[in-house]
C-alpha cells in the first residue's frame, strides 16, 4: 500500500474554539447543518420541530415547523388537538415546504447540467489549444461522425456566403 501524503479525515477533539473567526465560521456551518437535518426530519418523518439557537455574538436564530405557535402548543400539551385554522396553516406550510423542496431539486439538476456543460466547454477550449489534428485522433466513432457533420455544415454555410458575396459583387458591377 502506498504511503499517504495527507492525514485524511481525523476526529477533532471537542473543545471550545479560541480563534474568533474560526468560531464564527464553525458556528455558521454547523447551524446550516442543523437546519438541514431539521428540514430533512420534517420532510421524511412529517413531524413538528422547533429550535432556538443563540449565535456566539448573542443573536437569536430559530427554526420552527410548521409554526412557532403549533410547536409551542404541542410542547406544552402533547395531547392537544389543533384548531381548524391551525390545521390549515400547518397544511399550507407543509405544502409550501414541499413546493420549495421540489424547486430546490430542480435547481440542483439545472446546476448539475450547467457543471457538466462547463466541463464540456473546458474540454473544447483545451482541444482548441492543441492542434485540431491532434484532437481528431483521440475522438471515438460517434464524435468523429459529429465532427464530420459539423464540417459539412460549415462548408455548406461558407459556400452559401461565398455565393451571396459573388452575386452581390456581380450585380453591383453591372
N, C-alpha and C. Protein backbone atom coordinates (compact mmCIF):
# COMPACT_ATOMS: atom_id res chain seq x y z
N UNK A 1 0.84 -1.17 0.00
CA UNK A 1 0.00 0.00 0.00
C UNK A 1 0.89 1.24 0.00
N UNK A 2 0.49 2.25 -0.76
CA UNK A 2 1.28 3.46 -0.88
C UNK A 2 1.20 4.28 0.41
N UNK A 3 2.24 5.05 0.65
CA UNK A 3 2.22 5.95 1.80
C UNK A 3 1.27 7.11 1.53
N UNK A 4 0.45 7.43 2.52
CA UNK A 4 -0.48 8.54 2.35
C UNK A 4 0.27 9.85 2.48
N UNK A 5 -0.13 10.84 1.67
CA UNK A 5 0.51 12.14 1.73
C UNK A 5 -0.17 13.05 2.74
N UNK A 6 -1.46 12.80 3.02
CA UNK A 6 -2.17 13.62 3.98
C UNK A 6 -2.72 12.73 5.09
N UNK A 7 -3.18 13.37 6.13
CA UNK A 7 -3.70 12.62 7.27
C UNK A 7 -5.15 12.20 7.06
N UNK A 8 -5.80 12.76 6.07
CA UNK A 8 -7.19 12.40 5.80
C UNK A 8 -8.13 12.93 6.87
N UNK A 9 -9.31 12.35 6.93
CA UNK A 9 -10.27 12.78 7.95
C UNK A 9 -9.84 12.25 9.30
N UNK A 10 -9.86 13.14 10.26
CA UNK A 10 -9.49 12.76 11.61
C UNK A 10 -10.57 13.26 12.55
N UNK A 11 -10.61 12.65 13.71
CA UNK A 11 -11.53 13.10 14.74
C UNK A 11 -10.94 14.36 15.38
N UNK A 12 -11.74 15.41 15.42
CA UNK A 12 -11.31 16.66 16.02
C UNK A 12 -11.75 16.65 17.48
N UNK A 13 -10.84 16.91 18.39
CA UNK A 13 -11.23 16.90 19.81
C UNK A 13 -12.28 17.99 20.10
N UNK A 14 -13.25 17.65 20.93
CA UNK A 14 -14.31 18.58 21.28
C UNK A 14 -13.79 19.54 22.35
N UNK A 15 -13.54 20.76 21.95
CA UNK A 15 -13.15 21.80 22.88
C UNK A 15 -13.55 23.13 22.28
N UNK A 16 -13.61 24.13 23.13
CA UNK A 16 -14.02 25.45 22.66
C UNK A 16 -13.01 25.99 21.66
N UNK A 17 -13.51 26.54 20.57
CA UNK A 17 -12.65 27.14 19.54
C UNK A 17 -12.25 28.52 20.04
N UNK A 18 -10.96 28.77 20.12
CA UNK A 18 -10.46 30.01 20.71
C UNK A 18 -10.44 31.17 19.71
N UNK A 19 -10.04 30.91 18.47
CA UNK A 19 -9.95 31.99 17.48
C UNK A 19 -11.37 32.40 17.07
N UNK A 20 -11.64 33.70 17.19
CA UNK A 20 -13.00 34.19 16.97
C UNK A 20 -13.48 33.96 15.54
N UNK A 21 -12.64 34.20 14.55
CA UNK A 21 -13.06 33.99 13.16
C UNK A 21 -13.38 32.52 12.89
N UNK A 22 -12.56 31.63 13.42
CA UNK A 22 -12.81 30.20 13.27
C UNK A 22 -14.10 29.79 13.97
N UNK A 23 -14.35 30.41 15.13
CA UNK A 23 -15.57 30.12 15.89
C UNK A 23 -16.81 30.52 15.09
N UNK A 24 -16.78 31.72 14.50
CA UNK A 24 -17.93 32.18 13.72
C UNK A 24 -18.16 31.30 12.50
N UNK A 25 -17.07 30.94 11.82
CA UNK A 25 -17.19 30.10 10.63
C UNK A 25 -17.74 28.73 10.99
N UNK A 26 -17.22 28.15 12.07
CA UNK A 26 -17.69 26.83 12.50
C UNK A 26 -19.16 26.88 12.91
N UNK A 27 -19.53 27.92 13.65
CA UNK A 27 -20.93 28.06 14.07
C UNK A 27 -21.85 28.14 12.86
N UNK A 28 -21.46 28.96 11.89
CA UNK A 28 -22.30 29.13 10.69
C UNK A 28 -22.50 27.81 9.95
N UNK A 29 -21.41 27.06 9.76
CA UNK A 29 -21.50 25.79 9.06
C UNK A 29 -22.34 24.78 9.83
N UNK A 30 -22.12 24.70 11.13
CA UNK A 30 -22.87 23.74 11.94
C UNK A 30 -24.34 24.12 12.05
N UNK A 31 -24.63 25.42 12.10
CA UNK A 31 -26.03 25.86 12.14
C UNK A 31 -26.75 25.44 10.85
N UNK A 32 -26.08 25.64 9.72
CA UNK A 32 -26.67 25.23 8.45
C UNK A 32 -26.92 23.73 8.43
N UNK A 33 -25.97 22.97 9.00
CA UNK A 33 -26.14 21.53 9.08
C UNK A 33 -27.33 21.14 9.94
N UNK A 34 -27.49 21.83 11.08
CA UNK A 34 -28.65 21.57 11.95
C UNK A 34 -29.96 21.88 11.23
N UNK A 35 -30.01 23.02 10.55
CA UNK A 35 -31.23 23.39 9.83
C UNK A 35 -31.54 22.36 8.74
N UNK A 36 -30.51 21.91 8.07
CA UNK A 36 -30.71 20.92 7.01
C UNK A 36 -31.26 19.62 7.59
N UNK A 37 -30.67 19.17 8.70
CA UNK A 37 -31.16 17.94 9.34
C UNK A 37 -32.59 18.11 9.83
N UNK A 38 -32.91 19.26 10.41
CA UNK A 38 -34.27 19.51 10.87
C UNK A 38 -35.24 19.49 9.70
N UNK A 39 -34.85 20.10 8.61
CA UNK A 39 -35.69 20.12 7.41
C UNK A 39 -35.91 18.70 6.87
N UNK A 40 -34.85 17.89 6.88
CA UNK A 40 -34.97 16.50 6.42
C UNK A 40 -35.91 15.72 7.33
N UNK A 41 -35.82 15.94 8.65
CA UNK A 41 -36.73 15.27 9.58
C UNK A 41 -38.18 15.64 9.29
N UNK A 42 -38.42 16.91 9.03
CA UNK A 42 -39.77 17.38 8.72
C UNK A 42 -40.28 16.70 7.46
N UNK A 43 -39.45 16.67 6.43
CA UNK A 43 -39.86 16.11 5.15
C UNK A 43 -40.06 14.60 5.22
N UNK A 44 -39.09 13.90 5.79
CA UNK A 44 -39.12 12.44 5.78
C UNK A 44 -40.07 11.85 6.81
N UNK A 45 -40.18 12.49 7.96
CA UNK A 45 -40.96 11.90 9.06
C UNK A 45 -42.27 12.63 9.33
N UNK A 46 -42.52 13.73 8.63
CA UNK A 46 -43.76 14.50 8.78
C UNK A 46 -43.99 14.87 10.25
N UNK A 47 -43.00 15.56 10.84
CA UNK A 47 -43.06 15.91 12.25
C UNK A 47 -43.09 17.41 12.43
N UNK A 48 -43.39 17.83 13.64
CA UNK A 48 -43.28 19.23 14.03
C UNK A 48 -41.96 19.37 14.79
N UNK A 49 -41.26 20.47 14.55
CA UNK A 49 -39.95 20.64 15.18
C UNK A 49 -39.71 22.11 15.47
N UNK A 50 -38.96 22.39 16.52
CA UNK A 50 -38.60 23.77 16.86
C UNK A 50 -37.21 23.83 17.45
N UNK A 51 -36.45 24.85 17.04
CA UNK A 51 -35.10 25.06 17.57
C UNK A 51 -34.90 26.55 17.77
N UNK A 52 -34.25 26.90 18.85
CA UNK A 52 -33.80 28.27 19.08
C UNK A 52 -32.31 28.20 19.38
N UNK A 53 -31.54 28.99 18.64
CA UNK A 53 -30.09 28.98 18.77
C UNK A 53 -29.63 30.42 18.98
N UNK A 54 -28.68 30.61 19.88
CA UNK A 54 -28.06 31.91 20.06
C UNK A 54 -26.65 31.83 19.52
N UNK A 55 -26.33 32.74 18.59
CA UNK A 55 -25.00 32.74 17.98
C UNK A 55 -23.96 33.20 19.00
N UNK A 56 -22.67 33.02 18.67
CA UNK A 56 -21.62 33.49 19.58
C UNK A 56 -21.69 35.01 19.83
N UNK A 57 -22.32 35.74 18.92
CA UNK A 57 -22.46 37.19 19.10
C UNK A 57 -23.71 37.52 19.89
N UNK A 58 -24.52 36.50 20.24
CA UNK A 58 -25.73 36.72 21.02
C UNK A 58 -26.99 36.90 20.19
N UNK A 59 -26.89 36.76 18.89
CA UNK A 59 -28.04 36.93 18.01
C UNK A 59 -28.89 35.65 18.04
N UNK A 60 -30.20 35.79 18.34
CA UNK A 60 -31.04 34.59 18.36
C UNK A 60 -31.44 34.16 16.94
N UNK A 61 -31.47 32.85 16.71
CA UNK A 61 -31.89 32.28 15.44
C UNK A 61 -32.83 31.13 15.74
N UNK A 62 -33.80 30.92 14.85
CA UNK A 62 -34.78 29.88 15.14
C UNK A 62 -35.18 29.13 13.88
N UNK A 63 -35.69 27.93 14.11
CA UNK A 63 -36.26 27.09 13.04
C UNK A 63 -37.48 26.41 13.65
N UNK A 64 -38.64 26.69 13.10
CA UNK A 64 -39.87 26.07 13.57
C UNK A 64 -40.64 25.55 12.38
N UNK A 65 -41.21 24.38 12.56
CA UNK A 65 -42.09 23.83 11.53
C UNK A 65 -43.22 23.09 12.22
N UNK A 66 -44.44 23.35 11.91
CA UNK A 66 -44.95 24.23 10.87
C UNK A 66 -44.94 25.70 11.29
N UNK A 67 -45.29 25.99 12.54
CA UNK A 67 -45.23 27.37 13.03
C UNK A 67 -44.77 27.34 14.48
N UNK A 68 -44.33 28.50 14.95
CA UNK A 68 -43.92 28.62 16.35
C UNK A 68 -45.06 28.27 17.28
N UNK A 69 -46.26 28.81 17.00
CA UNK A 69 -47.41 28.56 17.87
C UNK A 69 -47.76 27.08 17.93
N UNK A 70 -47.74 26.41 16.79
CA UNK A 70 -48.10 24.99 16.76
C UNK A 70 -47.10 24.16 17.56
N UNK A 71 -45.81 24.46 17.42
CA UNK A 71 -44.79 23.70 18.13
C UNK A 71 -44.88 23.95 19.63
N UNK A 72 -45.05 25.20 20.04
CA UNK A 72 -45.13 25.52 21.46
C UNK A 72 -46.39 24.90 22.08
N UNK A 73 -47.50 24.95 21.37
CA UNK A 73 -48.73 24.34 21.88
C UNK A 73 -48.57 22.84 22.06
N UNK A 74 -47.96 22.19 21.09
CA UNK A 74 -47.74 20.74 21.19
C UNK A 74 -46.76 20.42 22.31
N UNK A 75 -45.77 21.31 22.55
CA UNK A 75 -44.80 21.08 23.63
C UNK A 75 -45.48 21.22 24.99
N UNK A 76 -46.33 22.22 25.12
CA UNK A 76 -47.00 22.45 26.40
C UNK A 76 -48.01 21.37 26.70
N UNK A 77 -48.70 20.90 25.67
CA UNK A 77 -49.72 19.87 25.87
C UNK A 77 -49.70 18.93 24.66
N UNK A 78 -48.95 17.83 24.73
CA UNK A 78 -48.81 16.93 23.58
C UNK A 78 -50.13 16.31 23.10
N UNK A 79 -51.12 16.21 23.97
CA UNK A 79 -52.39 15.58 23.61
C UNK A 79 -53.39 16.56 23.01
N UNK A 80 -53.05 17.84 22.96
CA UNK A 80 -53.99 18.85 22.48
C UNK A 80 -54.24 18.68 20.98
N UNK A 81 -55.45 18.89 20.59
CA UNK A 81 -55.82 18.86 19.17
C UNK A 81 -55.76 20.29 18.63
N UNK A 82 -55.15 20.45 17.47
CA UNK A 82 -55.03 21.78 16.88
C UNK A 82 -56.38 22.25 16.36
N UNK A 83 -56.59 23.55 16.37
CA UNK A 83 -57.84 24.12 15.86
C UNK A 83 -57.85 23.98 14.34
N UNK A 84 -59.01 24.25 13.77
CA UNK A 84 -59.16 24.14 12.31
C UNK A 84 -58.24 25.13 11.60
N UNK A 85 -58.14 26.34 12.13
CA UNK A 85 -57.28 27.33 11.49
C UNK A 85 -55.81 26.91 11.60
N UNK A 86 -55.44 26.34 12.74
CA UNK A 86 -54.06 25.87 12.91
C UNK A 86 -53.77 24.73 11.94
N UNK A 87 -54.76 23.85 11.72
CA UNK A 87 -54.60 22.76 10.75
C UNK A 87 -54.39 23.32 9.34
N UNK A 88 -55.15 24.37 9.00
CA UNK A 88 -55.00 24.98 7.68
C UNK A 88 -53.61 25.59 7.51
N UNK A 89 -53.16 26.31 8.55
CA UNK A 89 -51.84 26.93 8.48
C UNK A 89 -50.77 25.85 8.37
N UNK A 90 -50.92 24.80 9.15
CA UNK A 90 -49.96 23.70 9.12
C UNK A 90 -49.92 23.04 7.75
N UNK A 91 -51.09 22.77 7.19
CA UNK A 91 -51.16 22.13 5.88
C UNK A 91 -50.55 23.04 4.81
N UNK A 92 -50.86 24.33 4.89
CA UNK A 92 -50.30 25.27 3.92
C UNK A 92 -48.78 25.32 4.04
N UNK A 93 -48.28 25.36 5.27
CA UNK A 93 -46.84 25.41 5.50
C UNK A 93 -46.16 24.16 4.97
N UNK A 94 -46.74 23.00 5.24
CA UNK A 94 -46.16 21.74 4.74
C UNK A 94 -46.15 21.73 3.21
N UNK A 95 -47.23 22.19 2.60
CA UNK A 95 -47.31 22.22 1.13
C UNK A 95 -46.25 23.16 0.57
N UNK A 96 -46.07 24.30 1.21
CA UNK A 96 -45.07 25.27 0.75
C UNK A 96 -43.66 24.68 0.87
N UNK A 97 -43.38 23.98 1.96
CA UNK A 97 -42.08 23.33 2.14
C UNK A 97 -41.87 22.30 1.02
N UNK A 98 -42.90 21.52 0.71
CA UNK A 98 -42.79 20.53 -0.36
C UNK A 98 -42.53 21.20 -1.70
N UNK A 99 -43.22 22.32 -1.97
CA UNK A 99 -43.00 23.04 -3.22
C UNK A 99 -41.57 23.56 -3.31
N UNK A 100 -41.10 24.14 -2.21
CA UNK A 100 -39.74 24.67 -2.21
C UNK A 100 -38.70 23.55 -2.33
N UNK A 101 -38.97 22.40 -1.73
CA UNK A 101 -38.06 21.26 -1.87
C UNK A 101 -38.01 20.79 -3.31
N UNK A 102 -39.17 20.75 -3.96
CA UNK A 102 -39.21 20.35 -5.37
C UNK A 102 -38.43 21.34 -6.23
N UNK A 103 -38.62 22.62 -5.95
CA UNK A 103 -37.92 23.65 -6.72
C UNK A 103 -36.41 23.53 -6.49
N UNK A 104 -36.01 23.26 -5.25
CA UNK A 104 -34.59 23.08 -4.95
C UNK A 104 -34.01 21.90 -5.71
N UNK A 105 -34.76 20.81 -5.80
CA UNK A 105 -34.30 19.65 -6.57
C UNK A 105 -34.14 20.02 -8.04
N UNK A 106 -35.10 20.79 -8.58
CA UNK A 106 -35.00 21.23 -9.97
C UNK A 106 -33.74 22.08 -10.18
N UNK A 107 -33.51 23.01 -9.26
CA UNK A 107 -32.34 23.87 -9.38
C UNK A 107 -31.04 23.08 -9.23
N UNK A 108 -31.04 22.07 -8.38
CA UNK A 108 -29.86 21.21 -8.26
C UNK A 108 -29.59 20.48 -9.57
N UNK A 109 -30.65 20.00 -10.21
CA UNK A 109 -30.50 19.33 -11.50
C UNK A 109 -29.96 20.30 -12.55
N UNK A 110 -30.50 21.51 -12.57
CA UNK A 110 -30.03 22.53 -13.51
C UNK A 110 -28.56 22.85 -13.25
N UNK A 111 -28.19 22.93 -11.98
CA UNK A 111 -26.80 23.19 -11.62
C UNK A 111 -25.89 22.06 -12.09
N UNK A 112 -26.34 20.82 -11.91
CA UNK A 112 -25.54 19.68 -12.37
C UNK A 112 -25.34 19.72 -13.87
N UNK A 113 -26.39 20.08 -14.60
CA UNK A 113 -26.29 20.19 -16.07
C UNK A 113 -25.32 21.30 -16.44
N UNK A 114 -25.41 22.43 -15.75
CA UNK A 114 -24.50 23.55 -16.04
C UNK A 114 -23.06 23.17 -15.76
N UNK A 115 -22.83 22.44 -14.69
CA UNK A 115 -21.46 22.00 -14.36
C UNK A 115 -20.94 21.07 -15.45
N UNK A 116 -21.81 20.15 -15.91
CA UNK A 116 -21.40 19.25 -16.99
C UNK A 116 -21.08 20.02 -18.26
N UNK A 117 -21.91 21.04 -18.57
CA UNK A 117 -21.65 21.86 -19.76
C UNK A 117 -20.33 22.62 -19.62
N UNK A 118 -20.08 23.14 -18.43
CA UNK A 118 -18.80 23.84 -18.21
C UNK A 118 -17.63 22.92 -18.44
N UNK A 119 -17.74 21.69 -17.93
CA UNK A 119 -16.65 20.73 -18.15
C UNK A 119 -16.48 20.46 -19.63
N UNK A 120 -17.59 20.34 -20.34
CA UNK A 120 -17.55 20.11 -21.78
C UNK A 120 -16.88 21.28 -22.50
N UNK A 121 -17.26 22.51 -22.10
CA UNK A 121 -16.66 23.70 -22.70
C UNK A 121 -15.17 23.77 -22.40
N UNK A 122 -14.80 23.40 -21.19
CA UNK A 122 -13.38 23.39 -20.83
C UNK A 122 -12.61 22.42 -21.72
N UNK A 123 -13.23 21.26 -21.99
CA UNK A 123 -12.59 20.29 -22.88
C UNK A 123 -12.44 20.87 -24.28
N UNK A 124 -13.45 21.60 -24.75
CA UNK A 124 -13.38 22.22 -26.08
C UNK A 124 -12.24 23.23 -26.12
N UNK A 125 -12.12 24.02 -25.07
CA UNK A 125 -11.05 25.02 -25.02
C UNK A 125 -9.69 24.34 -25.01
N UNK A 126 -9.55 23.25 -24.23
CA UNK A 126 -8.29 22.52 -24.22
C UNK A 126 -7.98 21.98 -25.62
N UNK A 127 -9.02 21.49 -26.30
CA UNK A 127 -8.85 20.95 -27.64
C UNK A 127 -8.42 22.03 -28.60
N UNK A 128 -8.98 23.23 -28.46
CA UNK A 128 -8.61 24.33 -29.34
C UNK A 128 -7.16 24.73 -29.14
N UNK A 129 -6.67 24.60 -27.91
CA UNK A 129 -5.29 24.96 -27.65
C UNK A 129 -4.33 23.99 -28.35
N UNK A 130 -4.75 22.75 -28.46
CA UNK A 130 -3.95 21.78 -29.23
C UNK A 130 -4.32 21.95 -30.70
N UNK A 131 -3.54 21.38 -31.56
CA UNK A 131 -3.88 21.40 -32.98
C UNK A 131 -5.09 20.51 -33.22
N UNK A 132 -5.97 20.89 -34.17
CA UNK A 132 -7.17 20.10 -34.41
C UNK A 132 -6.83 18.69 -34.84
N UNK A 133 -5.71 18.51 -35.53
CA UNK A 133 -5.32 17.18 -35.98
C UNK A 133 -4.96 16.26 -34.82
N UNK A 134 -4.44 16.86 -33.73
CA UNK A 134 -4.12 16.05 -32.57
C UNK A 134 -5.40 15.58 -31.87
N UNK A 135 -6.39 16.46 -31.81
CA UNK A 135 -7.62 16.12 -31.09
C UNK A 135 -8.49 15.16 -31.90
N UNK A 136 -8.45 15.24 -33.23
CA UNK A 136 -9.27 14.36 -34.07
C UNK A 136 -8.85 12.91 -33.87
N UNK A 137 -7.57 12.69 -33.67
CA UNK A 137 -7.08 11.32 -33.49
C UNK A 137 -7.60 10.68 -32.21
N UNK A 138 -8.03 11.49 -31.24
CA UNK A 138 -8.49 10.97 -29.96
C UNK A 138 -10.01 10.81 -29.90
N UNK A 139 -10.73 11.13 -30.97
CA UNK A 139 -12.19 11.04 -30.97
C UNK A 139 -12.66 9.59 -31.15
N UNK A 140 -13.79 9.28 -30.51
CA UNK A 140 -14.40 7.96 -30.75
C UNK A 140 -15.28 8.06 -32.00
N UNK A 141 -15.92 6.96 -32.39
CA UNK A 141 -16.68 6.91 -33.64
C UNK A 141 -17.82 7.93 -33.66
N UNK A 142 -18.56 8.04 -32.57
CA UNK A 142 -19.68 9.00 -32.53
C UNK A 142 -19.18 10.43 -32.65
N UNK A 143 -18.08 10.72 -31.97
CA UNK A 143 -17.53 12.08 -32.01
C UNK A 143 -16.98 12.40 -33.40
N UNK A 144 -16.43 11.41 -34.08
CA UNK A 144 -15.94 11.64 -35.44
C UNK A 144 -17.12 11.96 -36.36
N UNK A 145 -18.21 11.22 -36.21
CA UNK A 145 -19.41 11.46 -37.01
C UNK A 145 -19.95 12.86 -36.74
N UNK A 146 -19.99 13.24 -35.49
CA UNK A 146 -20.48 14.58 -35.12
C UNK A 146 -19.58 15.66 -35.70
N UNK A 147 -18.27 15.45 -35.62
CA UNK A 147 -17.31 16.41 -36.17
C UNK A 147 -17.46 16.51 -37.68
N UNK A 148 -17.66 15.37 -38.34
CA UNK A 148 -17.85 15.35 -39.79
C UNK A 148 -19.09 16.14 -40.18
N UNK A 149 -20.18 15.95 -39.46
CA UNK A 149 -21.42 16.69 -39.71
C UNK A 149 -21.19 18.18 -39.53
N UNK A 150 -20.47 18.54 -38.49
CA UNK A 150 -20.17 19.95 -38.25
C UNK A 150 -19.36 20.54 -39.40
N UNK A 151 -18.37 19.79 -39.88
CA UNK A 151 -17.56 20.27 -41.01
C UNK A 151 -18.41 20.44 -42.26
N UNK A 152 -19.30 19.48 -42.54
CA UNK A 152 -20.16 19.59 -43.72
C UNK A 152 -21.06 20.82 -43.62
N UNK A 153 -21.61 21.08 -42.44
CA UNK A 153 -22.44 22.27 -42.25
C UNK A 153 -21.63 23.54 -42.46
N UNK A 154 -20.40 23.55 -41.93
CA UNK A 154 -19.55 24.72 -42.09
C UNK A 154 -19.24 24.97 -43.56
N UNK A 155 -18.94 23.91 -44.30
CA UNK A 155 -18.67 24.04 -45.74
C UNK A 155 -19.91 24.56 -46.46
N UNK A 156 -21.07 24.01 -46.14
CA UNK A 156 -22.33 24.44 -46.77
C UNK A 156 -22.55 25.93 -46.54
N UNK A 157 -22.41 26.39 -45.28
CA UNK A 157 -22.63 27.81 -44.96
C UNK A 157 -21.58 28.70 -45.62
N UNK A 158 -20.35 28.23 -45.74
CA UNK A 158 -19.32 29.03 -46.40
C UNK A 158 -19.61 29.16 -47.89
N UNK A 159 -20.07 28.07 -48.54
CA UNK A 159 -20.43 28.14 -49.97
C UNK A 159 -21.59 29.11 -50.18
N UNK A 160 -22.59 29.02 -49.30
CA UNK A 160 -23.74 29.94 -49.43
C UNK A 160 -23.30 31.39 -49.27
N UNK A 161 -22.45 31.65 -48.28
CA UNK A 161 -21.99 33.01 -48.06
C UNK A 161 -21.15 33.49 -49.24
N UNK A 162 -20.31 32.62 -49.78
CA UNK A 162 -19.48 32.97 -50.94
C UNK A 162 -20.37 33.28 -52.14
N UNK A 163 -21.40 32.47 -52.37
CA UNK A 163 -22.34 32.73 -53.47
C UNK A 163 -23.05 34.07 -53.28
N UNK A 164 -23.44 34.38 -52.02
CA UNK A 164 -24.09 35.66 -51.75
C UNK A 164 -23.15 36.82 -52.06
N UNK A 165 -21.90 36.67 -51.65
CA UNK A 165 -20.94 37.72 -51.90
C UNK A 165 -20.65 37.89 -53.38
N UNK A 166 -20.56 36.76 -54.10
CA UNK A 166 -20.30 36.83 -55.56
C UNK A 166 -21.48 37.43 -56.29
N UNK A 167 -22.71 37.02 -55.93
CA UNK A 167 -23.89 37.58 -56.60
C UNK A 167 -24.05 39.06 -56.27
N UNK A 168 -23.68 39.45 -55.06
CA UNK A 168 -23.76 40.86 -54.69
C UNK A 168 -22.72 41.67 -55.45
N UNK A 169 -21.54 41.12 -55.64
CA UNK A 169 -20.47 41.83 -56.35
C UNK A 169 -20.79 41.92 -57.83
N UNK A 170 -21.37 40.86 -58.42
CA UNK A 170 -21.66 40.88 -59.85
C UNK A 170 -22.84 41.81 -60.15
N UNK A 171 -23.84 41.89 -59.26
CA UNK A 171 -24.98 42.76 -59.51
C UNK A 171 -24.60 44.22 -59.30
N UNK A 172 -23.67 44.52 -58.41
CA UNK A 172 -23.26 45.90 -58.20
C UNK A 172 -22.31 46.36 -59.32
N UNK A 173 -21.62 45.41 -59.97
CA UNK A 173 -20.70 45.75 -61.04
C UNK A 173 -21.45 46.12 -62.32
N UNK A 174 -22.68 45.70 -62.47
CA UNK A 174 -23.43 45.97 -63.69
C UNK A 174 -23.98 47.32 -63.60
